[in-house]
Amino acid sequence: MTTGSTQRRPTSASAPGPQRSALRGRDILALAATGLRARPTRAILSALGIAIGIAAMIAVVGISSSSQARLNDELNRLGTNLLTASAGQSFTGEQSKLPADTIDKIRLVDGVLDASATGLLSESVYRSELSDPAATGGISAMVAEQNLLVVVSGHVRSGAWLTPATEGHRTVVLGDTAAKRLGIATPGTQVWLGGTYFTVVGILEPVALAPELDTAALIGEFVATSMFDFDGSPTTVYERSEDASVDRIRDLLAPTISPQTPEEVKVSRPSDALAARNAANQAFTGLLLGIGSIALLVGGIGVANTMIISVLERRREIGLRRALGATRHHILVQFLGEALLLSAIGGVFGSAFGAGATLIAATFNGWPFTLPSIAIIVAIGATLAVGAIAGLYPALRAARTPPTAALNS
């Protein structure tokens, strides 16, 4: 019987197994950058395709947001509590007329802050008595109340508005477009209105909520009554109300103006027209975003093409790396990293180009520069997604390349 200690051999369960090698993040980045630097022209062109798509998408979103911000600022400045009422048509199809006491009745409605009106005259407006009678230029002669500009948030660009001292004389205030069509830049000039000369005392800035005033020649009620037999019946009524009462007054306006025939009165909200115009712009923005998405897709195809050609040209490199111990996972990560880096470069530069285009457009149009940060995040995320999808197949193809076949090619 042998005495002594018995030594146990380590079992396979206690023996340390081989550890799987892994690439660090900086190693993947270095490998990807090296692969792209080896073919700079091809990489630049592929990144440019991505950049164009991203720039288009960012610019469209940015310009649309800046335009929306400008509209919101304009509506906040002008107010959304303006309602207009105008004469419509009777049941027989004839043009109806608003009562002469329309403004007095509207001001009695609870919640109405102020009201004003204009009356359309049948007189024509020309530069001089020698002008061609057929060349009216689309300018309308209107009678205006003294508080009109306050109600419609209008402003005089040069000269002055009608006052009690001037409205009883042959004086006229021209809308912005009317002044341009008549070739008048400063007050003091005379125009031929209704067969006599009127002196221009003021020129208006464009009136956003009442664009019909832009093509109007506005005179006082006293001279309109004495010279052109104006009967006091308004053509368009402008009403300002408390914000909380707008919808209620909108329903009451027509019955208040014409209790017997309220259907002959047309009531509208000018701010709704501006909002509708912006909605149309948003629809156009959606179309442009679709075009930008197509451009991004084309850029992704360019990345896929670049990576597939890169795999075919680097078969020996792939075989050598596999022979030296690189796993399929290493090859997959290397080529997928190149595709992602290529897309990321295009996304960053595309975002910069898009933001620059938005800034230029906003500055040129006088809009506030607005670019949602989420747009940049989504753009970069979309770029990386396109890069991953475009580079996945080439990366898988590279990883599945047998080392012997690659070295012998």
Protein backbone atom coordinates (compact mmCIF):
# COMPACT_ATOMS: atom_id res chain seq x y z
CA MET A 1 0.00 0.00 0.00
CA THR A 2 1.54 3.25 -1.02
CA THR A 3 1.24 6.21 1.26
CA GLY A 4 1.46 9.84 0.29
CA SER A 5 -0.67 12.58 -0.97
CA THR A 6 -2.72 12.13 -4.07
CA GLN A 7 -2.64 15.02 -6.61
CA ARG A 8 -5.79 15.78 -8.56
CA ARG A 9 -5.57 16.93 -12.12
CA PRO A 10 -7.70 19.93 -13.06
CA THR A 11 -10.84 18.91 -14.80
CA SER A 12 -12.08 20.48 -17.96
CA ALA A 13 -14.77 22.25 -15.97
CA SER A 14 -12.22 24.16 -13.91
CA ALA A 15 -9.81 24.89 -16.77
CA PRO A 16 -10.09 28.40 -18.27
CA GLY A 17 -11.52 28.38 -21.81
CA PRO A 18 -10.40 30.53 -24.74
CA GLN A 19 -11.70 34.09 -24.61
CA ARG A 20 -13.47 35.53 -27.64
CA SER A 21 -11.64 38.50 -29.12
CA ALA A 22 -13.55 41.73 -29.64
CA LEU A 23 -12.89 44.98 -31.48
CA ARG A 24 -12.94 48.16 -29.43
CA GLY A 25 -14.93 51.13 -30.62
CA ARG A 26 -11.87 53.18 -31.52
CA ASP A 27 -10.44 50.22 -33.41
CA ILE A 28 -13.63 49.96 -35.49
CA LEU A 29 -13.51 53.70 -36.19
CA ALA A 30 -9.86 53.52 -37.19
CA LEU A 31 -10.47 50.56 -39.51
CA ALA A 32 -13.48 52.29 -41.10
CA ALA A 33 -11.57 55.53 -41.62
CA THR A 34 -8.65 53.66 -43.15
CA GLY A 35 -10.94 51.87 -45.59
CA LEU A 36 -12.53 55.14 -46.71
CA ARG A 37 -9.20 56.97 -47.04
CA ALA A 38 -7.99 54.27 -49.38
CA ARG A 39 -10.59 55.37 -51.96
CA PRO A 40 -11.27 59.05 -51.20
CA THR A 41 -12.97 60.05 -54.47
CA ARG A 42 -15.51 57.26 -54.32
CA ALA A 43 -16.16 57.92 -50.64
CA ILE A 44 -16.67 61.64 -51.22
CA LEU A 45 -19.16 61.05 -54.03
CA SER A 46 -21.13 58.56 -51.96
CA ALA A 47 -21.16 60.87 -48.94
CA LEU A 48 -22.26 63.71 -51.24
CA GLY A 49 -25.29 61.70 -52.33
CA ILE A 50 -26.29 61.27 -48.69
CA ALA A 51 -25.56 64.94 -47.96
CA ILE A 52 -27.81 66.16 -50.78
CA GLY A 53 -30.77 64.15 -49.50
CA ILE A 54 -30.28 65.29 -45.90
CA ALA A 55 -29.71 68.91 -46.95
CA ALA A 56 -32.94 68.88 -48.93
CA MET A 57 -34.92 67.48 -46.01
CA ILE A 58 -33.40 69.86 -43.44
CA ALA A 59 -33.87 72.88 -45.72
CA VAL A 60 -37.50 72.03 -46.41
CA VAL A 61 -38.30 71.55 -42.71
CA GLY A 62 -36.33 74.65 -41.72
CA ILE A 63 -37.82 76.94 -44.36
CA SER A 64 -41.32 75.66 -43.58
CA SER A 65 -40.80 76.21 -39.84
CA SER A 66 -39.41 79.71 -40.42
CA SER A 67 -42.38 80.56 -42.64
CA GLN A 68 -44.75 79.21 -39.99
CA ALA A 69 -43.02 81.29 -37.32
CA ARG A 70 -43.39 84.38 -39.49
CA LEU A 71 -47.11 83.66 -39.94
CA ASN A 72 -47.59 83.14 -36.21
CA ASP A 73 -45.81 86.41 -35.47
CA GLU A 74 -47.96 88.17 -38.05
CA LEU A 75 -51.19 86.73 -36.63
CA ASN A 76 -50.14 87.62 -33.09
CA ARG A 77 -49.44 91.16 -34.24
CA LEU A 78 -52.59 91.56 -36.34
CA GLY A 79 -54.89 89.53 -34.13
CA THR A 80 -57.25 86.72 -35.01
CA ASN A 81 -60.36 88.45 -33.65
CA LEU A 82 -61.25 90.34 -36.84
CA LEU A 83 -64.46 89.41 -38.66
CA THR A 84 -65.66 90.80 -41.97
CA ALA A 85 -69.19 90.94 -43.31
CA SER A 86 -70.14 91.79 -46.86
CA ALA A 87 -73.25 91.89 -48.99
CA GLY A 88 -74.03 88.66 -50.81
CA GLN A 89 -76.74 87.79 -53.29
CA SER A 90 -80.46 87.63 -52.80
CA PHE A 91 -82.62 84.56 -53.41
CA THR A 92 -83.21 85.76 -56.98
CA GLY A 93 -79.49 86.16 -57.66
CA GLU A 94 -79.41 89.95 -57.40
CA GLN A 95 -76.66 91.76 -55.48
CA SER A 96 -77.93 92.67 -52.03
CA LYS A 97 -77.07 95.78 -50.00
CA LEU A 98 -76.20 96.21 -46.35
CA PRO A 99 -78.36 98.69 -44.37
CA ALA A 100 -76.93 102.16 -43.81
CA ASP A 101 -77.14 101.67 -40.02
CA THR A 102 -75.10 98.42 -40.09
CA ILE A 103 -72.20 99.77 -38.03
CA ASP A 104 -74.49 101.20 -35.33
CA LYS A 105 -76.25 97.86 -34.93
CA ILE A 106 -73.02 95.85 -34.77
CA ARG A 107 -71.60 98.07 -32.03
CA LEU A 108 -74.59 97.21 -29.83
CA VAL A 109 -73.66 93.50 -29.77
CA ASP A 110 -72.11 92.39 -26.49
CA GLY A 111 -68.41 91.59 -26.92
CA VAL A 112 -67.82 93.85 -29.93
CA LEU A 113 -64.82 96.10 -29.37
CA ASP A 114 -64.98 98.22 -32.50
CA ALA A 115 -66.34 98.22 -36.03
CA SER A 116 -65.73 100.10 -39.26
CA ALA A 117 -66.72 99.84 -42.91
CA THR A 118 -65.95 100.74 -46.50
CA GLY A 119 -68.39 101.50 -49.28
CA LEU A 120 -67.63 100.73 -52.91
CA LEU A 121 -68.22 103.50 -55.45
CA SER A 122 -68.76 103.05 -59.16
CA GLU A 123 -66.24 105.80 -59.99
CA SER A 124 -62.97 104.93 -61.73
CA VAL A 125 -59.49 106.11 -60.74
CA TYR A 126 -56.81 107.19 -63.24
CA ARG A 127 -53.46 108.87 -63.16
CA SER A 128 -54.81 111.89 -65.05
CA GLU A 129 -57.71 112.96 -67.21
CA LEU A 130 -55.62 112.03 -70.27
CA SER A 131 -55.40 108.36 -69.25
CA ASP A 132 -57.07 105.67 -71.32
CA PRO A 133 -60.57 105.14 -69.85
CA ALA A 134 -60.24 101.40 -70.41
CA ALA A 135 -57.01 101.22 -68.39
CA THR A 136 -58.51 101.18 -64.90
CA GLY A 137 -55.68 99.09 -63.43
CA GLY A 138 -58.15 97.26 -61.19
CA ILE A 139 -58.26 100.19 -58.74
CA SER A 140 -61.50 100.66 -56.81
CA ALA A 141 -62.82 103.91 -55.33
CA MET A 142 -64.06 103.35 -51.78
CA VAL A 143 -65.55 105.39 -48.97
CA ALA A 144 -63.74 104.82 -45.68
CA GLU A 145 -64.58 105.63 -42.09
CA GLN A 146 -61.99 107.39 -39.96
CA ASN A 147 -61.38 104.41 -37.63
CA LEU A 148 -60.84 101.93 -40.48
CA LEU A 149 -57.08 101.56 -40.05
CA VAL A 150 -57.42 100.95 -36.31
CA VAL A 151 -59.87 98.12 -36.86
CA VAL A 152 -57.95 96.36 -39.67
CA SER A 153 -54.49 96.99 -38.13
CA GLY A 154 -53.41 99.05 -41.12
CA HIS A 155 -50.60 101.58 -41.24
CA VAL A 156 -49.77 104.62 -43.35
CA ARG A 157 -46.41 104.29 -45.10
CA SER A 158 -46.16 107.95 -46.08
CA GLY A 159 -48.35 110.97 -45.58
CA ALA A 160 -51.41 110.82 -43.33
CA TRP A 161 -54.78 109.15 -42.97
CA LEU A 162 -58.12 110.85 -43.55
CA THR A 163 -59.03 113.27 -40.76
CA PRO A 164 -62.08 115.44 -40.05
CA ALA A 165 -60.12 118.32 -41.56
CA THR A 166 -59.29 116.56 -44.83
CA GLU A 167 -62.04 114.04 -45.50
CA GLY A 168 -64.52 116.77 -46.43
CA HIS A 169 -62.26 117.89 -49.24
CA ARG A 170 -61.11 116.19 -52.42
CA THR A 171 -58.41 114.16 -50.73
CA VAL A 172 -57.63 110.48 -51.18
CA VAL A 173 -55.49 107.80 -49.51
CA LEU A 174 -54.11 105.12 -51.83
CA GLY A 175 -53.52 101.48 -51.02
CA ASP A 176 -50.05 100.07 -51.58
CA THR A 177 -50.83 98.34 -54.89
CA ALA A 178 -52.99 101.22 -56.13
CA ALA A 179 -50.16 103.69 -55.60
CA LYS A 180 -47.74 101.48 -57.50
CA ARG A 181 -50.11 101.04 -60.43
CA LEU A 182 -50.71 104.78 -60.62
CA GLY A 183 -46.98 105.47 -60.39
CA ILE A 184 -47.28 107.55 -57.21
CA ALA A 185 -44.51 107.33 -54.62
CA THR A 186 -45.16 110.34 -52.38
CA PRO A 187 -48.23 112.28 -51.22
CA GLY A 188 -49.09 115.61 -52.77
CA THR A 189 -49.72 114.22 -56.24
CA GLN A 190 -53.16 114.42 -57.81
CA VAL A 191 -55.18 111.59 -59.34
CA TRP A 192 -58.27 111.68 -61.57
CA LEU A 193 -61.19 110.20 -59.61
CA GLY A 194 -64.80 110.40 -60.72
CA GLY A 195 -64.16 113.10 -63.29
CA THR A 196 -62.22 115.44 -61.01
CA TYR A 197 -58.79 115.69 -59.42
CA PHE A 198 -58.18 114.47 -55.88
CA THR A 199 -55.01 115.19 -53.93
CA VAL A 200 -53.19 112.17 -52.50
CA VAL A 201 -52.62 112.77 -48.79
CA GLY A 202 -51.36 109.30 -47.83
CA ILE A 203 -50.18 105.92 -49.04
CA LEU A 204 -50.83 102.76 -47.03
CA GLU A 205 -48.62 99.82 -46.28
CA PRO A 206 -50.00 96.43 -47.40
CA VAL A 207 -52.93 95.41 -45.19
CA ALA A 208 -52.64 91.67 -44.52
CA LEU A 209 -56.11 91.15 -43.07
CA ALA A 210 -57.87 93.36 -45.64
CA PRO A 211 -56.00 92.88 -48.95
CA GLU A 212 -58.86 94.54 -50.86
CA LEU A 213 -57.65 97.86 -49.44
CA ASP A 214 -54.32 97.47 -51.25
CA THR A 215 -55.99 98.20 -54.59
CA ALA A 216 -58.30 100.92 -53.27
CA ALA A 217 -58.46 104.70 -53.46
CA LEU A 218 -60.10 105.74 -50.18
CA ILE A 219 -62.02 108.99 -49.73
CA GLY A 220 -64.11 110.50 -46.93
CA GLU A 221 -67.84 109.98 -46.49
CA PHE A 222 -68.75 113.69 -46.69
CA VAL A 223 -67.17 114.28 -50.10
CA ALA A 224 -68.49 110.93 -51.36
CA THR A 225 -72.02 111.91 -50.39
CA SER A 226 -71.84 115.44 -51.80
CA MET A 227 -70.06 114.57 -55.06
CA PHE A 228 -71.05 110.98 -55.88
CA ASP A 229 -74.42 110.58 -54.08
CA PHE A 230 -73.15 107.92 -51.69
CA ASP A 231 -76.17 106.54 -49.81
CA GLY A 232 -74.23 105.40 -46.73
CA SER A 233 -74.68 101.68 -47.43
CA PRO A 234 -71.42 99.84 -46.57
CA THR A 235 -70.02 97.20 -48.88
CA THR A 236 -67.67 95.52 -46.37
CA VAL A 237 -67.86 95.69 -42.59
CA TYR A 238 -64.85 95.04 -40.32
CA GLU A 239 -65.50 94.06 -36.72
CA ARG A 240 -63.16 93.45 -33.79
CA SER A 241 -64.39 91.45 -30.82
CA GLU A 242 -63.04 89.91 -27.66
CA ASP A 243 -61.09 86.73 -28.37
CA ALA A 244 -63.46 84.60 -26.32
CA SER A 245 -66.49 85.99 -28.16
CA VAL A 246 -65.33 85.59 -31.77
CA ASP A 247 -67.24 82.39 -32.53
CA ARG A 248 -70.41 83.64 -30.85
CA ILE A 249 -70.35 86.98 -32.64
CA ARG A 250 -69.58 85.25 -35.91
CA ASP A 251 -72.95 83.49 -35.60
CA LEU A 252 -74.73 86.71 -34.59
CA LEU A 253 -73.25 89.04 -37.17
CA ALA A 254 -75.47 88.19 -40.14
CA PRO A 255 -78.79 88.18 -38.17
CA THR A 256 -77.79 91.46 -36.54
CA ILE A 257 -77.04 93.17 -39.86
CA SER A 258 -80.06 91.83 -41.73
CA PRO A 259 -82.63 90.19 -39.43
CA GLN A 260 -85.05 89.45 -42.29
CA THR A 261 -82.51 88.00 -44.74
CA PRO A 262 -79.37 86.89 -42.84
CA GLU A 263 -78.50 84.46 -45.65
CA GLU A 264 -77.69 87.46 -47.86
CA VAL A 265 -74.79 88.47 -45.60
CA LYS A 266 -71.42 86.76 -45.98
CA VAL A 267 -69.29 86.56 -42.84
CA SER A 268 -65.64 85.52 -42.89
CA ARG A 269 -62.56 85.55 -40.70
CA PRO A 270 -59.47 86.91 -42.54
CA SER A 271 -57.04 85.05 -40.27
CA ASP A 272 -58.60 81.79 -41.51
CA ALA A 273 -57.50 82.71 -45.03
CA LEU A 274 -53.94 83.19 -43.82
CA ALA A 275 -54.08 79.86 -42.02
CA ALA A 276 -55.44 78.19 -45.16
CA ARG A 277 -52.61 79.66 -47.19
CA ASN A 278 -50.15 78.27 -44.68
CA ALA A 279 -51.88 74.86 -44.89
CA ALA A 280 -51.35 74.92 -48.64
CA ASN A 281 -47.69 75.72 -48.03
CA GLN A 282 -47.49 72.79 -45.64
CA ALA A 283 -48.90 70.49 -48.32
CA PHE A 284 -46.21 71.72 -50.69
CA THR A 285 -43.68 71.11 -47.93
CA GLY A 286 -44.81 67.48 -47.75
CA LEU A 287 -44.15 67.14 -51.47
CA LEU A 288 -40.66 68.55 -51.06
CA LEU A 289 -40.00 66.23 -48.15
CA GLY A 290 -40.92 63.34 -50.42
CA ILE A 291 -38.39 64.56 -52.96
CA GLY A 292 -35.77 64.85 -50.21
CA SER A 293 -36.53 61.29 -49.12
CA ILE A 294 -36.01 60.08 -52.68
CA ALA A 295 -32.69 61.89 -52.78
CA LEU A 296 -31.73 60.21 -49.51
CA LEU A 297 -32.68 56.83 -50.95
CA VAL A 298 -30.50 57.50 -53.98
CA GLY A 299 -27.66 58.37 -51.63
CA GLY A 300 -28.17 55.10 -49.77
CA ILE A 301 -27.96 53.19 -53.04
CA GLY A 302 -24.70 55.00 -53.71
CA VAL A 303 -23.36 53.84 -50.34
CA ALA A 304 -24.41 50.26 -51.06
CA ASN A 305 -22.75 50.38 -54.45
CA THR A 306 -19.56 51.76 -52.96
CA MET A 307 -19.43 49.08 -50.27
CA ILE A 308 -20.13 46.21 -52.68
CA ILE A 309 -17.35 47.33 -55.00
CA SER A 310 -15.10 47.77 -51.98
CA VAL A 311 -15.75 44.17 -50.92
CA LEU A 312 -14.94 42.86 -54.41
CA GLU A 313 -11.73 44.87 -54.63
CA ARG A 314 -10.54 43.91 -51.15
CA ARG A 315 -11.04 40.17 -51.24
CA ARG A 316 -7.31 39.55 -50.71
CA GLU A 317 -7.34 41.88 -47.71
CA ILE A 318 -10.32 40.02 -46.29
CA GLY A 319 -8.64 36.64 -46.86
CA LEU A 320 -5.40 37.81 -45.26
CA ARG A 321 -7.20 39.13 -42.19
CA ARG A 322 -9.16 35.90 -41.85
CA ALA A 323 -5.94 33.89 -42.18
CA LEU A 324 -4.35 35.97 -39.42
CA GLY A 325 -7.21 35.18 -37.05
CA ALA A 326 -9.95 37.72 -37.78
CA THR A 327 -13.39 36.23 -37.31
CA ARG A 328 -16.43 36.72 -39.48
CA HIS A 329 -17.74 39.05 -36.83
CA HIS A 330 -14.63 41.23 -37.16
CA ILE A 331 -15.04 41.51 -40.93
CA LEU A 332 -18.76 42.22 -40.59
CA VAL A 333 -18.16 45.01 -38.07
CA GLN A 334 -15.36 46.51 -40.16
CA PHE A 335 -17.39 46.91 -43.35
CA LEU A 336 -20.57 47.88 -41.53
CA GLY A 337 -18.56 50.52 -39.69
CA GLU A 338 -17.31 51.91 -43.00
CA ALA A 339 -20.88 52.23 -44.29
CA LEU A 340 -22.04 53.92 -41.10
CA LEU A 341 -19.09 56.31 -41.06
CA LEU A 342 -19.66 57.17 -44.71
CA SER A 343 -23.34 57.89 -44.03
CA ALA A 344 -22.58 59.84 -40.87
CA ILE A 345 -20.19 62.11 -42.74
CA GLY A 346 -22.83 62.75 -45.38
CA GLY A 347 -25.46 63.35 -42.70
CA VAL A 348 -23.38 65.87 -40.77
CA PHE A 349 -22.42 67.87 -43.83
CA GLY A 350 -25.94 67.60 -45.24
CA SER A 351 -27.40 68.93 -41.99
CA ALA A 352 -24.96 71.83 -42.08
CA PHE A 353 -25.84 72.62 -45.71
CA GLY A 354 -29.57 72.40 -44.94
CA ALA A 355 -29.27 74.70 -41.92
CA GLY A 356 -27.27 77.16 -44.02
CA ALA A 357 -29.91 77.14 -46.76
CA THR A 358 -32.61 77.77 -44.14
CA LEU A 359 -30.67 80.69 -42.69
CA ILE A 360 -30.17 82.25 -46.13
CA ALA A 361 -33.86 81.85 -47.04
CA ALA A 362 -35.03 83.24 -43.69
CA THR A 363 -32.68 86.22 -43.90
CA PHE A 364 -33.65 86.97 -47.51
CA ASN A 365 -37.40 86.90 -46.73
CA GLY A 366 -37.14 88.61 -43.36
CA TRP A 367 -38.38 85.56 -41.45
CA PRO A 368 -37.21 84.45 -38.01
CA PHE A 369 -34.71 81.62 -38.33
CA THR A 370 -36.39 78.51 -36.97
CA LEU A 371 -35.04 74.98 -37.25
CA PRO A 372 -36.42 72.34 -34.86
CA SER A 373 -33.64 70.39 -33.18
CA ILE A 374 -35.70 67.23 -33.63
CA ALA A 375 -35.29 67.66 -37.39
CA ILE A 376 -31.50 67.38 -37.04
CA ILE A 377 -31.81 64.35 -34.77
CA VAL A 378 -34.24 62.60 -37.11
CA ALA A 379 -32.09 63.44 -40.13
CA ILE A 380 -28.94 61.99 -38.57
CA GLY A 381 -30.89 58.97 -37.37
CA ALA A 382 -32.33 58.43 -40.85
CA THR A 383 -28.85 58.73 -42.30
CA LEU A 384 -27.43 56.09 -40.01
CA ALA A 385 -30.41 53.82 -40.70
CA VAL A 386 -29.88 54.18 -44.45
CA GLY A 387 -26.16 53.53 -43.99
CA ALA A 388 -26.79 50.42 -41.90
CA ILE A 389 -29.28 49.01 -44.41
CA ALA A 390 -27.07 49.89 -47.36
CA GLY A 391 -23.96 48.41 -45.77
CA LEU A 392 -25.46 45.27 -44.26
CA TYR A 393 -25.45 43.12 -47.39
CA PRO A 394 -21.88 44.04 -48.45
CA ALA A 395 -20.70 43.48 -44.87
CA LEU A 396 -22.36 40.06 -44.69
CA ARG A 397 -20.89 39.17 -48.06
CA ALA A 398 -17.44 40.15 -46.87
CA ALA A 399 -17.82 38.18 -43.63
CA ARG A 400 -18.88 35.03 -45.50
CA THR A 401 -15.95 35.09 -47.89
CA PRO A 402 -13.81 31.97 -47.28
CA PRO A 403 -10.14 32.86 -46.51
CA THR A 404 -8.71 30.40 -49.10
CA ALA A 405 -11.01 31.63 -51.86
CA ALA A 406 -10.17 35.24 -51.03
CA LEU A 407 -6.41 34.66 -51.04
CA ASN A 408 -6.56 32.77 -54.33
CA SER A 409 -8.67 35.39 -56.12
